[in-house]
C-alpha atoms as a PDB file:
ATOM      1  CA  MET A   1     -11.389  11.567   9.391  1.00  0.00           C
ATOM      2  CA  LEU A   2      -9.190  10.553   6.465  1.00  0.00           C
ATOM      3  CA  LEU A   3      -8.924   7.103   4.954  1.00  0.00           C
ATOM      4  CA  HIS A   4      -5.806   5.221   6.051  1.00  0.00           C
ATOM      5  CA  HIS A   5      -6.102   2.212   3.741  1.00  0.00           C
ATOM      6  CA  LEU A   6      -8.394  -0.129   1.854  1.00  0.00           C
ATOM      7  CA  ALA A   7      -7.530  -3.813   1.639  1.00  0.00           C
ATOM      8  CA  VAL A   8      -8.793  -6.370  -0.838  1.00  0.00           C
ATOM      9  CA  THR A   9      -8.042 -10.062  -0.445  1.00  0.00           C
ATOM     10  CA  CYS A  10      -7.406 -12.259  -3.457  1.00  0.00           C
ATOM     11  CA  SER A  11      -5.609 -15.388  -4.595  1.00  0.00           C
ATOM     12  CA  ASP A  12      -3.581 -13.639  -7.350  1.00  0.00           C
ATOM     13  CA  VAL A  13      -1.906 -10.672  -5.625  1.00  0.00           C
ATOM     14  CA  GLU A  14       0.217  -9.781  -8.659  1.00  0.00           C
ATOM     15  CA  GLY A  15      -2.691  -9.884 -11.128  1.00  0.00           C
ATOM     16  CA  VAL A  16      -5.190  -7.983  -8.977  1.00  0.00           C
ATOM     17  CA  ALA A  17      -2.599  -5.334  -8.032  1.00  0.00           C
ATOM     18  CA  ALA A  18      -1.746  -4.885 -11.726  1.00  0.00           C
ATOM     19  CA  PHE A  19      -5.448  -4.431 -12.518  1.00  0.00           C
ATOM     20  CA  TYR A  20      -5.945  -1.645  -9.960  1.00  0.00           C
ATOM     21  CA  SER A  21      -2.622  -0.040 -10.805  1.00  0.00           C
ATOM     22  CA  ARG A  22      -3.599   0.140 -14.491  1.00  0.00           C
ATOM     23  CA  LEU A  23      -7.248   1.082 -13.942  1.00  0.00           C
ATOM     24  CA  LEU A  24      -6.567   3.871 -11.444  1.00  0.00           C
ATOM     25  CA  ASP A  25      -2.974   4.868 -12.369  1.00  0.00           C
ATOM     26  CA  LEU A  26      -1.730   3.939  -8.902  1.00  0.00           C
ATOM     27  CA  PRO A  27       2.013   3.687  -8.262  1.00  0.00           C
ATOM     28  CA  GLU A  28       3.349   0.734  -6.301  1.00  0.00           C
ATOM     29  CA  LEU A  29       4.655   1.612  -2.830  1.00  0.00           C
ATOM     30  CA  ARG A  30       5.983  -1.710  -1.595  1.00  0.00           C
ATOM     31  CA  ARG A  31       5.742  -5.476  -1.641  1.00  0.00           C
ATOM     32  CA  HIS A  32       5.594  -7.799   1.341  1.00  0.00           C
ATOM     33  CA  GLU A  33       6.794 -11.395   1.284  1.00  0.00           C
ATOM     34  CA  ASP A  34       6.430 -14.194   3.810  1.00  0.00           C
ATOM     35  CA  GLU A  35       7.169 -17.918   3.886  1.00  0.00           C
ATOM     36  CA  GLY A  36       4.327 -18.440   1.389  1.00  0.00           C
ATOM     37  CA  GLY A  37       5.769 -15.965  -1.139  1.00  0.00           C
ATOM     38  CA  LEU A  38       4.211 -12.661  -2.175  1.00  0.00           C
ATOM     39  CA  ARG A  39       1.835 -11.636   0.640  1.00  0.00           C
ATOM     40  CA  SER A  40       0.771  -8.144  -0.451  1.00  0.00           C
ATOM     41  CA  ILE A  41       1.366  -5.222  -2.780  1.00  0.00           C
ATOM     42  CA  TRP A  42       0.594  -1.704  -1.574  1.00  0.00           C
ATOM     43  CA  LEU A  43      -0.553   0.928  -4.080  1.00  0.00           C
ATOM     44  CA  GLN A  44      -0.592   4.671  -3.358  1.00  0.00           C
ATOM     45  CA  LEU A  45      -4.018   6.322  -3.320  1.00  0.00           C
ATOM     46  CA  GLU A  46      -4.366  10.109  -3.327  1.00  0.00           C
ATOM     47  CA  VAL A  47      -5.043   9.786   0.398  1.00  0.00           C
ATOM     48  CA  GLY A  48      -4.160   6.442   1.949  1.00  0.00           C
ATOM     49  CA  VAL A  49      -3.091   3.090   0.559  1.00  0.00           C
ATOM     50  CA  LEU A  50      -4.782   0.303  -1.402  1.00  0.00           C
ATOM     51  CA  MET A  51      -3.472  -3.001  -0.003  1.00  0.00           C
ATOM     52  CA  VAL A  52      -3.871  -6.007  -2.294  1.00  0.00           C
ATOM     53  CA  GLU A  53      -3.372  -9.001  -0.006  1.00  0.00           C
ATOM     54  CA  ARG A  54      -3.252 -12.778  -0.364  1.00  0.00           C
ATOM     55  CA  GLY A  55      -6.326 -14.327   1.196  1.00  0.00           C
ATOM     56  CA  PRO A  56      -9.737 -15.733   0.414  1.00  0.00           C
ATOM     57  CA  PRO A  57     -11.451 -14.131  -2.615  1.00  0.00           C
ATOM     58  CA  HIS A  58     -14.596 -12.018  -2.477  1.00  0.00           C
ATOM     59  CA  ALA A  59     -16.989 -14.796  -1.470  1.00  0.00           C
ATOM     60  CA  GLU A  60     -15.375 -14.986   1.978  1.00  0.00           C
ATOM     61  CA  GLY A  61     -13.210 -11.892   2.127  1.00  0.00           C
ATOM     62  CA  GLY A  62     -12.593  -9.077  -0.281  1.00  0.00           C
ATOM     63  CA  TRP A  63     -14.672  -5.946  -0.097  1.00  0.00           C
ATOM     64  CA  ARG A  64     -18.258  -5.278  -0.864  1.00  0.00           C
ATOM     65  CA  LEU A  65     -18.019  -2.084  -2.886  1.00  0.00           C
ATOM     66  CA  PRO A  66     -15.241   0.483  -2.922  1.00  0.00           C
ATOM     67  CA  ALA A  67     -16.305   3.559  -4.883  1.00  0.00           C
ATOM     68  CA  PHE A  68     -13.535   5.720  -6.352  1.00  0.00           C
ATOM     69  CA  ARG A  69     -14.258   9.357  -7.235  1.00  0.00           C
ATOM     70  CA  ILE A  70     -14.101  10.409 -10.885  1.00  0.00           C
ATOM     71  CA  SER A  71     -15.250  13.600 -12.586  1.00  0.00           C
ATOM     72  CA  SER A  72     -18.447  13.534 -14.622  1.00  0.00           C
ATOM     73  CA  GLN A  73     -16.525  14.998 -17.575  1.00  0.00           C
ATOM     74  CA  ASP A  74     -14.227  11.943 -17.589  1.00  0.00           C
ATOM     75  CA  ARG A  75     -16.976   9.307 -17.363  1.00  0.00           C
ATOM     76  CA  GLU A  76     -16.491   8.040 -20.947  1.00  0.00           C
ATOM     77  CA  ARG A  77     -12.723   7.819 -20.497  1.00  0.00           C
ATOM     78  CA  TRP A  78     -13.288   5.656 -17.392  1.00  0.00           C
ATOM     79  CA  ARG A  79     -15.818   3.528 -19.304  1.00  0.00           C
ATOM     80  CA  GLY A  80     -13.100   2.941 -21.885  1.00  0.00           C
ATOM     81  CA  ARG A  81     -10.596   1.913 -19.230  1.00  0.00           C
ATOM     82  CA  LEU A  82     -13.006  -0.622 -17.749  1.00  0.00           C
ATOM     83  CA  THR A  83     -13.696  -1.983 -21.235  1.00  0.00           C
ATOM     84  CA  GLU A  84      -9.990  -2.093 -22.147  1.00  0.00           C
ATOM     85  CA  LEU A  85      -9.254  -4.130 -19.009  1.00  0.00           C
ATOM     86  CA  GLY A  86     -12.156  -6.525 -19.665  1.00  0.00           C
ATOM     87  CA  ALA A  87     -13.737  -5.336 -16.414  1.00  0.00           C
ATOM     88  CA  GLY A  88     -17.074  -4.003 -17.620  1.00  0.00           C
ATOM     89  CA  PRO A  89     -18.904  -1.876 -17.119  1.00  0.00           C
ATOM     90  CA  VAL A  90     -21.165  -4.587 -15.691  1.00  0.00           C
ATOM     91  CA  ASP A  91     -23.791  -2.044 -14.627  1.00  0.00           C
ATOM     92  CA  GLU A  92     -24.249   1.718 -14.334  1.00  0.00           C
ATOM     93  CA  THR A  93     -26.434   4.445 -12.897  1.00  0.00           C
ATOM     94  CA  ASP A  94     -26.630   8.156 -13.671  1.00  0.00           C
ATOM     95  CA  PHE A  95     -23.629   8.736 -11.411  1.00  0.00           C
ATOM     96  CA  THR A  96     -21.671   5.468 -11.260  1.00  0.00           C
ATOM     97  CA  LEU A  97     -19.985   2.897 -13.492  1.00  0.00           C
ATOM     98  CA  TYR A  98     -19.542  -0.595 -12.009  1.00  0.00           C
ATOM     99  CA  GLY A  99     -16.875  -3.093 -12.980  1.00  0.00           C
ATOM    100  CA  ARG A 100     -15.317  -6.302 -11.660  1.00  0.00           C
ATOM    101  CA  ASP A 101     -11.665  -6.969 -10.923  1.00  0.00           C
ATOM    102  CA  PRO A 102      -9.974 -10.201 -12.109  1.00  0.00           C
ATOM    103  CA  GLU A 103     -11.346 -12.120  -9.101  1.00  0.00           C
ATOM    104  CA  GLY A 104     -14.894 -10.817  -9.384  1.00  0.00           C
ATOM    105  CA  ASN A 105     -14.792  -8.093  -6.716  1.00  0.00           C
ATOM    106  CA  LEU A 106     -17.174  -5.259  -7.588  1.00  0.00           C
ATOM    107  CA  VAL A 107     -15.645  -1.772  -7.949  1.00  0.00           C
ATOM    108  CA  ALA A 108     -17.427   1.524  -8.605  1.00  0.00           C
ATOM    109  CA  LEU A 109     -16.300   4.724 -10.336  1.00  0.00           C
ATOM    110  CA  SER A 110     -18.630   7.482  -9.193  1.00  0.00           C
ATOM    111  CA  HIS A 111     -19.105  11.207  -9.850  1.00  0.00           C
ATOM    112  CA  PHE A 112     -22.062  12.193  -7.650  1.00  0.00           C
END
């Protein structure tokens, strides 16, 4: 079974999409508008789509913990990216770096 998409809800679609695009080098696929303005931005994952959508932030919606695969050899480069974006790391284990997106959603970069 392959992943189709991940969706994260947030109040600042533009800002959160920019964060994940910069952190993970994800190209933008499309934008969706509705009567309330920008509804979502879709970013291309290696397999599937990351959908950044307008909605309640992590306390009511959002996700609990997406973990993106990195190589162990690139761990320090990823630590630098989290630091550069002001996203952490907020915690780490032997195999995973944890950061927070602009709305406080936890994200993991893991090489187990």
